[in-house]
N, C-alpha and C. Protein backbone atom coordinates (compact mmCIF):
# COMPACT_ATOMS: atom_id res chain seq x y z
N MET A 1 -7.80 -0.62 2.49
CA MET A 1 -8.15 -0.96 1.12
C MET A 1 -9.14 0.05 0.55
N SER A 2 -10.11 0.48 1.38
CA SER A 2 -11.11 1.42 0.88
C SER A 2 -10.49 2.78 0.55
N LEU A 3 -9.44 3.16 1.26
CA LEU A 3 -8.76 4.42 0.96
C LEU A 3 -8.07 4.33 -0.40
N ILE A 4 -7.47 3.20 -0.69
CA ILE A 4 -6.84 2.99 -2.00
C ILE A 4 -7.89 3.09 -3.10
N LEU A 5 -9.03 2.46 -2.90
CA LEU A 5 -10.09 2.52 -3.91
C LEU A 5 -10.59 3.95 -4.10
N ALA A 6 -10.73 4.70 -3.01
CA ALA A 6 -11.17 6.09 -3.12
C ALA A 6 -10.15 6.92 -3.91
N VAL A 7 -8.86 6.74 -3.63
CA VAL A 7 -7.82 7.46 -4.36
C VAL A 7 -7.85 7.07 -5.83
N CYS A 8 -8.03 5.77 -6.11
CA CYS A 8 -8.11 5.31 -7.50
C CYS A 8 -9.28 5.96 -8.23
N LEU A 9 -10.44 6.01 -7.58
CA LEU A 9 -11.61 6.63 -8.22
C LEU A 9 -11.38 8.10 -8.52
N VAL A 10 -10.82 8.83 -7.55
CA VAL A 10 -10.53 10.25 -7.76
C VAL A 10 -9.49 10.40 -8.88
N ALA A 11 -8.48 9.55 -8.89
CA ALA A 11 -7.44 9.63 -9.93
C ALA A 11 -8.03 9.32 -11.31
N ILE A 12 -8.95 8.38 -11.39
CA ILE A 12 -9.58 8.06 -12.67
C ILE A 12 -10.44 9.23 -13.16
N VAL A 13 -11.17 9.86 -12.24
CA VAL A 13 -11.95 11.05 -12.62
C VAL A 13 -11.00 12.13 -13.11
N LEU A 14 -9.89 12.33 -12.42
CA LEU A 14 -8.89 13.31 -12.85
C LEU A 14 -8.31 12.91 -14.22
N GLY A 15 -8.09 11.63 -14.42
CA GLY A 15 -7.61 11.15 -15.72
C GLY A 15 -8.57 11.50 -16.84
N TYR A 16 -9.86 11.28 -16.61
CA TYR A 16 -10.86 11.65 -17.61
C TYR A 16 -10.87 13.16 -17.83
N ALA A 17 -10.78 13.92 -16.74
CA ALA A 17 -10.82 15.38 -16.83
C ALA A 17 -9.64 15.94 -17.61
N THR A 18 -8.54 15.19 -17.65
CA THR A 18 -7.35 15.66 -18.38
C THR A 18 -7.21 14.98 -19.74
N GLY A 19 -8.31 14.38 -20.23
CA GLY A 19 -8.29 13.81 -21.58
C GLY A 19 -7.93 12.34 -21.66
N GLY A 20 -7.83 11.67 -20.53
CA GLY A 20 -7.48 10.26 -20.55
C GLY A 20 -8.69 9.36 -20.70
N ARG A 21 -8.42 8.10 -20.93
CA ARG A 21 -9.47 7.09 -21.05
C ARG A 21 -9.02 5.82 -20.34
N LEU A 22 -9.98 5.04 -19.84
CA LEU A 22 -9.65 3.78 -19.18
C LEU A 22 -8.92 2.83 -20.12
N SER A 23 -9.18 2.94 -21.41
CA SER A 23 -8.49 2.09 -22.37
C SER A 23 -6.98 2.32 -22.33
N GLY A 24 -6.57 3.49 -21.90
CA GLY A 24 -5.14 3.76 -21.74
C GLY A 24 -4.50 2.84 -20.71
N LEU A 25 -5.26 2.50 -19.66
CA LEU A 25 -4.75 1.57 -18.65
C LEU A 25 -4.59 0.17 -19.23
N ALA A 26 -5.52 -0.21 -20.07
CA ALA A 26 -5.46 -1.56 -20.68
C ALA A 26 -4.28 -1.69 -21.63
N ASP A 27 -3.82 -0.57 -22.17
CA ASP A 27 -2.71 -0.60 -23.12
C ASP A 27 -1.33 -0.55 -22.47
N LEU A 28 -1.29 -0.44 -21.15
CA LEU A 28 0.01 -0.40 -20.47
C LEU A 28 0.77 -1.70 -20.68
N PRO A 29 2.06 -1.61 -20.93
CA PRO A 29 2.85 -2.84 -21.16
C PRO A 29 3.32 -3.48 -19.84
N LEU A 30 2.36 -3.78 -18.95
CA LEU A 30 2.71 -4.36 -17.66
C LEU A 30 3.18 -5.80 -17.84
N ARG A 31 4.21 -6.13 -17.13
CA ARG A 31 4.80 -7.47 -17.23
C ARG A 31 4.83 -8.14 -15.88
N ARG A 32 4.81 -9.46 -15.92
CA ARG A 32 4.94 -10.30 -14.72
C ARG A 32 3.94 -9.94 -13.61
N ILE A 33 2.69 -9.73 -14.01
CA ILE A 33 1.65 -9.38 -13.05
C ILE A 33 1.43 -10.51 -12.03
N TRP A 34 1.88 -11.71 -12.38
CA TRP A 34 1.76 -12.84 -11.45
C TRP A 34 2.48 -12.57 -10.13
N LEU A 35 3.50 -11.69 -10.15
CA LEU A 35 4.21 -11.35 -8.92
C LEU A 35 3.27 -10.65 -7.93
N VAL A 36 2.42 -9.79 -8.43
CA VAL A 36 1.46 -9.08 -7.58
C VAL A 36 0.43 -10.07 -7.03
N TRP A 37 -0.05 -10.98 -7.88
CA TRP A 37 -1.02 -11.98 -7.41
C TRP A 37 -0.38 -12.90 -6.37
N ALA A 38 0.87 -13.27 -6.57
CA ALA A 38 1.57 -14.11 -5.59
C ALA A 38 1.69 -13.37 -4.26
N ALA A 39 1.99 -12.08 -4.31
CA ALA A 39 2.10 -11.28 -3.08
C ALA A 39 0.75 -11.23 -2.36
N PHE A 40 -0.31 -11.03 -3.11
CA PHE A 40 -1.65 -11.00 -2.52
C PHE A 40 -1.97 -12.34 -1.87
N LEU A 41 -1.66 -13.43 -2.54
CA LEU A 41 -1.93 -14.75 -1.98
C LEU A 41 -1.14 -15.00 -0.70
N LEU A 42 0.11 -14.55 -0.66
CA LEU A 42 0.90 -14.71 0.56
C LEU A 42 0.24 -13.99 1.74
N GLN A 43 -0.26 -12.80 1.49
CA GLN A 43 -0.92 -12.06 2.58
C GLN A 43 -2.22 -12.73 2.98
N MET A 44 -2.91 -13.32 2.03
CA MET A 44 -4.14 -14.05 2.36
C MET A 44 -3.83 -15.28 3.21
N VAL A 45 -2.72 -15.94 2.92
CA VAL A 45 -2.31 -17.11 3.71
C VAL A 45 -2.13 -16.69 5.17
N VAL A 46 -1.52 -15.54 5.40
CA VAL A 46 -1.31 -15.06 6.77
C VAL A 46 -2.63 -14.92 7.50
N ALA A 47 -3.65 -14.45 6.81
CA ALA A 47 -4.95 -14.24 7.44
C ALA A 47 -5.60 -15.54 7.89
N PHE A 48 -5.24 -16.65 7.27
CA PHE A 48 -5.91 -17.92 7.57
C PHE A 48 -5.05 -18.88 8.38
N LEU A 49 -3.87 -18.46 8.79
CA LEU A 49 -3.01 -19.32 9.61
C LEU A 49 -3.54 -19.42 11.04
N SER A 50 -3.24 -20.52 11.68
CA SER A 50 -3.57 -20.64 13.10
C SER A 50 -2.71 -19.65 13.88
N ASP A 51 -3.08 -19.36 15.10
CA ASP A 51 -2.33 -18.37 15.89
C ASP A 51 -0.86 -18.75 16.03
N GLY A 52 -0.56 -20.02 16.31
CA GLY A 52 0.83 -20.45 16.47
C GLY A 52 1.62 -20.31 15.18
N ALA A 53 1.04 -20.74 14.07
CA ALA A 53 1.71 -20.63 12.78
C ALA A 53 1.87 -19.17 12.37
N ARG A 54 0.86 -18.36 12.68
CA ARG A 54 0.93 -16.94 12.33
C ARG A 54 2.09 -16.26 13.06
N GLU A 55 2.28 -16.63 14.32
CA GLU A 55 3.37 -16.03 15.10
C GLU A 55 4.72 -16.28 14.44
N VAL A 56 4.90 -17.47 13.89
CA VAL A 56 6.18 -17.85 13.27
C VAL A 56 6.29 -17.36 11.83
N LEU A 57 5.21 -17.42 11.09
CA LEU A 57 5.27 -17.20 9.64
C LEU A 57 4.84 -15.81 9.18
N ARG A 58 4.24 -15.01 10.08
CA ARG A 58 3.71 -13.71 9.65
C ARG A 58 4.78 -12.84 9.01
N LEU A 59 5.87 -12.60 9.70
CA LEU A 59 6.89 -11.70 9.17
C LEU A 59 7.50 -12.22 7.86
N PRO A 60 7.90 -13.49 7.78
CA PRO A 60 8.46 -13.96 6.50
C PRO A 60 7.47 -13.86 5.33
N LEU A 61 6.22 -14.20 5.57
CA LEU A 61 5.24 -14.17 4.48
C LEU A 61 4.90 -12.74 4.06
N VAL A 62 4.66 -11.87 5.04
CA VAL A 62 4.36 -10.47 4.71
C VAL A 62 5.58 -9.82 4.06
N GLY A 63 6.76 -10.09 4.60
CA GLY A 63 7.99 -9.54 4.01
C GLY A 63 8.18 -10.00 2.57
N MET A 64 7.94 -11.28 2.32
CA MET A 64 8.07 -11.81 0.96
C MET A 64 7.05 -11.15 0.03
N SER A 65 5.84 -10.94 0.52
CA SER A 65 4.83 -10.31 -0.33
C SER A 65 5.24 -8.88 -0.68
N PHE A 66 5.77 -8.15 0.29
CA PHE A 66 6.24 -6.79 0.02
C PHE A 66 7.40 -6.80 -0.98
N LEU A 67 8.31 -7.74 -0.82
CA LEU A 67 9.45 -7.82 -1.76
C LEU A 67 9.00 -8.18 -3.16
N LEU A 68 8.02 -9.06 -3.29
CA LEU A 68 7.50 -9.41 -4.62
C LEU A 68 6.91 -8.19 -5.32
N VAL A 69 6.16 -7.40 -4.58
CA VAL A 69 5.59 -6.19 -5.19
C VAL A 69 6.69 -5.20 -5.54
N MET A 70 7.69 -5.07 -4.69
CA MET A 70 8.80 -4.16 -4.97
C MET A 70 9.53 -4.60 -6.25
N VAL A 71 9.78 -5.89 -6.39
CA VAL A 71 10.41 -6.41 -7.61
C VAL A 71 9.54 -6.10 -8.82
N TRP A 72 8.23 -6.31 -8.68
CA TRP A 72 7.32 -6.03 -9.79
C TRP A 72 7.39 -4.56 -10.19
N ILE A 73 7.40 -3.66 -9.20
CA ILE A 73 7.48 -2.23 -9.49
C ILE A 73 8.77 -1.91 -10.24
N VAL A 74 9.88 -2.46 -9.78
CA VAL A 74 11.17 -2.21 -10.45
C VAL A 74 11.14 -2.72 -11.89
N LEU A 75 10.57 -3.89 -12.11
CA LEU A 75 10.49 -4.44 -13.46
C LEU A 75 9.63 -3.57 -14.37
N GLN A 76 8.57 -2.98 -13.84
CA GLN A 76 7.71 -2.12 -14.65
C GLN A 76 8.41 -0.84 -15.07
N ARG A 77 9.30 -0.36 -14.24
CA ARG A 77 9.99 0.89 -14.55
C ARG A 77 10.75 0.81 -15.86
N ARG A 78 11.14 -0.40 -16.26
CA ARG A 78 11.94 -0.55 -17.48
C ARG A 78 11.11 -0.39 -18.76
N VAL A 79 9.80 -0.58 -18.67
CA VAL A 79 8.97 -0.57 -19.88
C VAL A 79 8.03 0.62 -19.96
N LEU A 80 8.02 1.49 -18.98
CA LEU A 80 7.08 2.60 -18.95
C LEU A 80 7.76 3.93 -19.28
N ARG A 81 6.97 4.88 -19.73
CA ARG A 81 7.51 6.21 -20.05
C ARG A 81 7.89 6.94 -18.76
N PRO A 82 8.70 8.00 -18.87
CA PRO A 82 9.27 8.66 -17.68
C PRO A 82 8.26 9.08 -16.61
N VAL A 83 7.14 9.68 -16.98
CA VAL A 83 6.19 10.14 -15.97
C VAL A 83 5.64 8.95 -15.17
N LEU A 84 5.41 7.83 -15.84
CA LEU A 84 4.91 6.65 -15.14
C LEU A 84 6.00 6.01 -14.29
N ARG A 85 7.23 6.05 -14.79
CA ARG A 85 8.35 5.52 -13.98
C ARG A 85 8.51 6.33 -12.71
N THR A 86 8.38 7.65 -12.82
CA THR A 86 8.51 8.51 -11.64
C THR A 86 7.38 8.21 -10.64
N ALA A 87 6.17 8.06 -11.12
CA ALA A 87 5.04 7.76 -10.23
C ALA A 87 5.26 6.41 -9.55
N LEU A 88 5.74 5.42 -10.29
CA LEU A 88 6.01 4.12 -9.69
C LEU A 88 7.16 4.18 -8.70
N LEU A 89 8.14 5.04 -8.96
CA LEU A 89 9.23 5.21 -8.01
C LEU A 89 8.69 5.77 -6.69
N ILE A 90 7.75 6.70 -6.78
CA ILE A 90 7.13 7.25 -5.56
C ILE A 90 6.38 6.15 -4.82
N VAL A 91 5.64 5.31 -5.56
CA VAL A 91 4.95 4.18 -4.92
C VAL A 91 5.97 3.26 -4.25
N ALA A 92 7.07 2.98 -4.95
CA ALA A 92 8.10 2.08 -4.40
C ALA A 92 8.73 2.65 -3.14
N ILE A 93 8.93 3.94 -3.09
CA ILE A 93 9.50 4.56 -1.89
C ILE A 93 8.56 4.37 -0.70
N GLY A 94 7.27 4.63 -0.90
CA GLY A 94 6.29 4.42 0.17
C GLY A 94 6.22 2.96 0.57
N TRP A 95 6.26 2.08 -0.42
CA TRP A 95 6.23 0.63 -0.16
C TRP A 95 7.45 0.24 0.67
N GLY A 96 8.60 0.76 0.30
CA GLY A 96 9.83 0.47 1.04
C GLY A 96 9.79 0.99 2.46
N MET A 97 9.19 2.15 2.66
CA MET A 97 9.05 2.69 4.01
C MET A 97 8.22 1.74 4.87
N ASN A 98 7.11 1.25 4.30
CA ASN A 98 6.27 0.31 5.05
C ASN A 98 6.98 -1.01 5.29
N LEU A 99 7.68 -1.51 4.29
CA LEU A 99 8.41 -2.77 4.45
C LEU A 99 9.46 -2.64 5.56
N THR A 100 10.15 -1.52 5.60
CA THR A 100 11.18 -1.30 6.61
C THR A 100 10.61 -1.36 8.02
N VAL A 101 9.54 -0.62 8.27
CA VAL A 101 8.99 -0.58 9.62
C VAL A 101 8.35 -1.92 9.99
N ILE A 102 7.76 -2.61 9.03
CA ILE A 102 7.17 -3.93 9.31
C ILE A 102 8.28 -4.92 9.66
N ALA A 103 9.35 -4.90 8.90
CA ALA A 103 10.46 -5.84 9.16
C ALA A 103 11.10 -5.58 10.52
N LEU A 104 11.26 -4.32 10.88
CA LEU A 104 11.90 -3.99 12.15
C LEU A 104 11.04 -4.31 13.37
N ASN A 105 9.72 -4.36 13.18
CA ASN A 105 8.81 -4.53 14.31
C ASN A 105 7.98 -5.81 14.25
N ASN A 106 8.26 -6.66 13.29
CA ASN A 106 7.49 -7.89 13.10
C ASN A 106 6.01 -7.58 12.91
N GLY A 107 5.73 -6.48 12.24
CA GLY A 107 4.37 -6.03 11.96
C GLY A 107 4.34 -4.52 11.88
N MET A 108 3.26 -3.98 11.34
CA MET A 108 3.12 -2.52 11.22
C MET A 108 2.67 -1.95 12.56
N PRO A 109 3.51 -1.09 13.17
CA PRO A 109 3.09 -0.46 14.42
C PRO A 109 1.88 0.46 14.18
N VAL A 110 0.87 0.32 15.01
CA VAL A 110 -0.33 1.12 14.89
C VAL A 110 -0.52 1.89 16.19
N SER A 111 -0.78 3.16 16.08
CA SER A 111 -1.01 4.01 17.24
C SER A 111 -2.45 3.87 17.71
N ALA A 112 -2.62 3.41 18.94
CA ALA A 112 -3.96 3.31 19.53
C ALA A 112 -4.58 4.71 19.62
N ALA A 113 -3.76 5.71 19.93
CA ALA A 113 -4.27 7.08 20.04
C ALA A 113 -4.78 7.58 18.70
N ALA A 114 -4.08 7.26 17.62
CA ALA A 114 -4.52 7.69 16.28
C ALA A 114 -5.84 7.02 15.92
N LEU A 115 -5.97 5.73 16.26
CA LEU A 115 -7.23 5.03 15.98
C LEU A 115 -8.37 5.67 16.76
N GLU A 116 -8.12 5.96 18.02
CA GLU A 116 -9.15 6.57 18.85
C GLU A 116 -9.54 7.95 18.34
N ARG A 117 -8.58 8.70 17.80
CA ARG A 117 -8.87 10.05 17.27
C ARG A 117 -9.81 10.01 16.07
N VAL A 118 -9.81 8.88 15.34
CA VAL A 118 -10.72 8.77 14.20
C VAL A 118 -11.97 7.95 14.54
N GLY A 119 -12.10 7.60 15.83
CA GLY A 119 -13.29 6.89 16.27
C GLY A 119 -13.29 5.40 16.01
N LEU A 120 -12.13 4.79 15.92
CA LEU A 120 -12.03 3.34 15.70
C LEU A 120 -11.54 2.67 16.98
N PRO A 121 -11.98 1.43 17.21
CA PRO A 121 -11.52 0.72 18.42
C PRO A 121 -10.04 0.39 18.33
N SER A 122 -9.37 0.53 19.44
CA SER A 122 -7.92 0.26 19.45
C SER A 122 -7.59 -1.02 20.21
N ASP A 123 -8.62 -1.71 20.71
CA ASP A 123 -8.35 -2.85 21.58
C ASP A 123 -7.98 -4.15 20.85
N ASP A 124 -8.13 -4.19 19.53
CA ASP A 124 -7.78 -5.42 18.82
C ASP A 124 -6.88 -5.13 17.61
N ILE A 125 -5.85 -4.34 17.82
CA ILE A 125 -4.92 -3.98 16.75
C ILE A 125 -4.35 -5.23 16.09
N GLU A 126 -4.03 -6.23 16.88
CA GLU A 126 -3.41 -7.45 16.33
C GLU A 126 -4.28 -8.15 15.30
N SER A 127 -5.59 -7.99 15.36
CA SER A 127 -6.46 -8.70 14.42
C SER A 127 -6.84 -7.83 13.23
N GLY A 128 -6.18 -6.71 13.06
CA GLY A 128 -6.49 -5.80 11.97
C GLY A 128 -6.09 -6.34 10.61
N ASP A 129 -6.07 -5.49 9.66
CA ASP A 129 -5.81 -5.73 8.25
C ASP A 129 -4.85 -6.89 7.98
N LEU A 130 -5.43 -8.07 7.77
CA LEU A 130 -4.66 -9.28 7.46
C LEU A 130 -3.61 -9.62 8.51
N ASN A 131 -3.87 -9.23 9.74
CA ASN A 131 -3.02 -9.62 10.88
C ASN A 131 -1.56 -9.22 10.74
N LYS A 132 -1.30 -8.06 10.21
CA LYS A 132 0.09 -7.63 10.10
C LYS A 132 0.39 -6.40 10.96
N HIS A 133 -0.50 -6.10 11.89
CA HIS A 133 -0.32 -4.94 12.75
C HIS A 133 0.10 -5.34 14.16
N VAL A 134 0.87 -4.47 14.78
CA VAL A 134 1.25 -4.61 16.18
C VAL A 134 1.04 -3.24 16.83
N GLU A 135 0.90 -3.23 18.14
CA GLU A 135 0.70 -1.96 18.82
C GLU A 135 2.00 -1.16 18.83
N ALA A 136 1.88 0.12 18.52
CA ALA A 136 3.04 1.02 18.55
C ALA A 136 3.29 1.41 20.00
N ASP A 137 4.21 0.71 20.63
CA ASP A 137 4.53 1.00 22.03
C ASP A 137 5.92 1.63 22.10
N GLU A 138 6.42 1.79 23.33
CA GLU A 138 7.72 2.45 23.51
C GLU A 138 8.89 1.65 22.95
N ASP A 139 8.69 0.36 22.68
CA ASP A 139 9.76 -0.47 22.13
C ASP A 139 9.76 -0.49 20.60
N ALA A 140 8.79 0.13 19.97
CA ALA A 140 8.70 0.11 18.51
C ALA A 140 9.90 0.83 17.89
N LYS A 141 10.41 0.25 16.83
CA LYS A 141 11.52 0.84 16.09
C LYS A 141 10.95 1.69 14.95
N LEU A 142 11.46 2.89 14.80
CA LEU A 142 10.96 3.86 13.81
C LEU A 142 9.44 4.00 13.88
N PRO A 143 8.89 4.24 15.07
CA PRO A 143 7.44 4.29 15.21
C PRO A 143 6.78 5.35 14.34
N TRP A 144 7.49 6.40 13.99
CA TRP A 144 6.94 7.46 13.14
C TRP A 144 6.65 6.96 11.72
N LEU A 145 7.17 5.79 11.35
CA LEU A 145 6.86 5.19 10.05
C LEU A 145 5.65 4.27 10.13
N GLY A 146 5.11 4.07 11.32
CA GLY A 146 3.95 3.19 11.51
C GLY A 146 2.65 3.90 11.17
N ASP A 147 1.55 3.22 11.42
CA ASP A 147 0.22 3.78 11.21
C ASP A 147 -0.09 4.72 12.37
N VAL A 148 0.44 5.93 12.29
CA VAL A 148 0.32 6.90 13.38
C VAL A 148 -0.36 8.20 12.95
N ILE A 149 -0.72 8.29 11.67
CA ILE A 149 -1.35 9.51 11.15
C ILE A 149 -2.85 9.29 11.09
N PRO A 150 -3.63 10.00 11.92
CA PRO A 150 -5.08 9.80 11.88
C PRO A 150 -5.69 10.50 10.67
N LEU A 151 -6.52 9.78 9.95
CA LEU A 151 -7.28 10.37 8.84
C LEU A 151 -8.76 10.32 9.23
N PRO A 152 -9.26 11.41 9.82
CA PRO A 152 -10.65 11.40 10.30
C PRO A 152 -11.64 11.69 9.17
N LEU A 153 -11.61 10.84 8.14
CA LEU A 153 -12.53 11.01 7.03
C LEU A 153 -13.86 10.37 7.41
N PHE A 154 -14.66 10.03 6.46
CA PHE A 154 -15.99 9.50 6.76
C PHE A 154 -16.06 8.00 6.46
N GLY A 155 -17.00 7.34 7.15
CA GLY A 155 -17.26 5.93 6.89
C GLY A 155 -16.04 5.04 7.00
N THR A 156 -15.87 4.18 6.01
CA THR A 156 -14.76 3.22 6.03
C THR A 156 -13.43 3.87 5.68
N LEU A 157 -13.43 5.15 5.36
CA LEU A 157 -12.18 5.84 5.05
C LEU A 157 -11.49 6.36 6.30
N ARG A 158 -12.13 6.28 7.48
CA ARG A 158 -11.49 6.69 8.73
C ARG A 158 -10.41 5.67 9.05
N LYS A 159 -9.18 6.13 9.17
CA LYS A 159 -8.07 5.21 9.37
C LYS A 159 -6.92 5.90 10.07
N ALA A 160 -6.03 5.07 10.58
CA ALA A 160 -4.70 5.54 10.96
C ALA A 160 -3.79 4.99 9.87
N VAL A 161 -3.04 5.86 9.24
CA VAL A 161 -2.19 5.43 8.12
C VAL A 161 -0.75 5.79 8.41
N SER A 162 0.14 5.23 7.62
CA SER A 162 1.56 5.52 7.76
C SER A 162 1.99 6.56 6.74
N LEU A 163 3.16 7.12 6.98
CA LEU A 163 3.75 8.04 6.01
C LEU A 163 3.98 7.29 4.69
N GLY A 164 4.40 6.04 4.77
CA GLY A 164 4.59 5.22 3.57
C GLY A 164 3.29 5.05 2.80
N ASP A 165 2.17 4.87 3.51
CA ASP A 165 0.86 4.77 2.85
C ASP A 165 0.57 6.04 2.07
N LEU A 166 0.80 7.19 2.70
CA LEU A 166 0.52 8.47 2.03
C LEU A 166 1.41 8.65 0.81
N VAL A 167 2.68 8.29 0.92
CA VAL A 167 3.59 8.40 -0.22
C VAL A 167 3.10 7.50 -1.36
N MET A 168 2.71 6.26 -1.03
CA MET A 168 2.20 5.35 -2.06
C MET A 168 0.93 5.91 -2.71
N LEU A 169 0.04 6.50 -1.93
CA LEU A 169 -1.19 7.05 -2.48
C LEU A 169 -0.90 8.22 -3.41
N VAL A 170 0.08 9.04 -3.08
CA VAL A 170 0.47 10.13 -3.97
C VAL A 170 0.99 9.55 -5.30
N GLY A 171 1.83 8.53 -5.22
CA GLY A 171 2.34 7.89 -6.44
C GLY A 171 1.23 7.31 -7.28
N LEU A 172 0.28 6.66 -6.64
CA LEU A 172 -0.86 6.09 -7.35
C LEU A 172 -1.71 7.18 -7.98
N ALA A 173 -1.93 8.27 -7.24
CA ALA A 173 -2.73 9.39 -7.76
C ALA A 173 -2.04 10.05 -8.95
N LEU A 174 -0.73 10.00 -9.03
CA LEU A 174 -0.01 10.53 -10.19
C LEU A 174 0.00 9.52 -11.35
N PHE A 175 0.11 8.24 -11.01
CA PHE A 175 0.24 7.19 -12.02
C PHE A 175 -1.02 7.03 -12.87
N LEU A 176 -2.17 6.89 -12.23
CA LEU A 176 -3.39 6.56 -12.96
C LEU A 176 -3.78 7.60 -14.01
N PRO A 177 -3.87 8.88 -13.68
CA PRO A 177 -4.24 9.85 -14.73
C PRO A 177 -3.22 9.87 -15.88
N ALA A 178 -1.94 9.77 -15.56
CA ALA A 178 -0.92 9.77 -16.62
C ALA A 178 -1.03 8.51 -17.48
N ALA A 179 -1.32 7.37 -16.85
CA ALA A 179 -1.45 6.12 -17.60
C ALA A 179 -2.68 6.12 -18.50
N MET A 180 -3.69 6.88 -18.12
CA MET A 180 -4.92 6.93 -18.93
C MET A 180 -4.74 7.76 -20.20
N ARG A 181 -3.74 8.61 -20.24
CA ARG A 181 -3.50 9.45 -21.42
C ARG A 181 -2.62 8.68 -22.42
N THR A 182 -3.15 8.49 -23.60
CA THR A 182 -2.42 7.71 -24.61
C THR A 182 -1.62 8.60 -25.56
N GLU A 183 -1.95 9.89 -25.62
CA GLU A 183 -1.25 10.74 -26.60
C GLU A 183 0.22 10.98 -26.26
N ASP A 184 0.60 10.81 -25.02
CA ASP A 184 2.01 11.01 -24.64
C ASP A 184 2.67 9.70 -24.22
N ARG A 185 2.35 8.63 -24.92
CA ARG A 185 2.89 7.31 -24.59
C ARG A 185 4.38 7.20 -24.86
N HIS A 186 4.89 7.92 -25.81
CA HIS A 186 6.30 7.70 -26.22
C HIS A 186 7.23 8.63 -25.55
């Protein structure tokens, strides 16, 4: 989450540097935002389930949350200008990559070696980010789509991320500055 916030802050600074304003974000014709909130709530439910319920419900709930966000992204593409549609398509591709590997492995495979390379403990992968991670072992399907890329940044930005995460971050970094510019809305 902190990496997303860092990318958003950098993108907003870039938006200002290219003549954009935060008011441009407020003017976006976003629709059905409740889908994103519903997806967030589903993931929060997973975090508070008992261990037995989590084992049974984790994949369906996380999968449904990912699908809700994907539907929301597709719906937004219909009302946004081309540059924003392209940026959202990039986000959707990264989102789909993550959804695919999570669905195939009943959680996001995380490389213990990647975590160790950035100085993070690897002994409790299962209790990570809202309990949707599993260890990337030899049985993992499409393990290269898991959280296997070490980002040895500083503080809370040190992470192991997936290729899908990086693709989504690129889409977000393109979306925000373009959305902040109001002169090319049409």
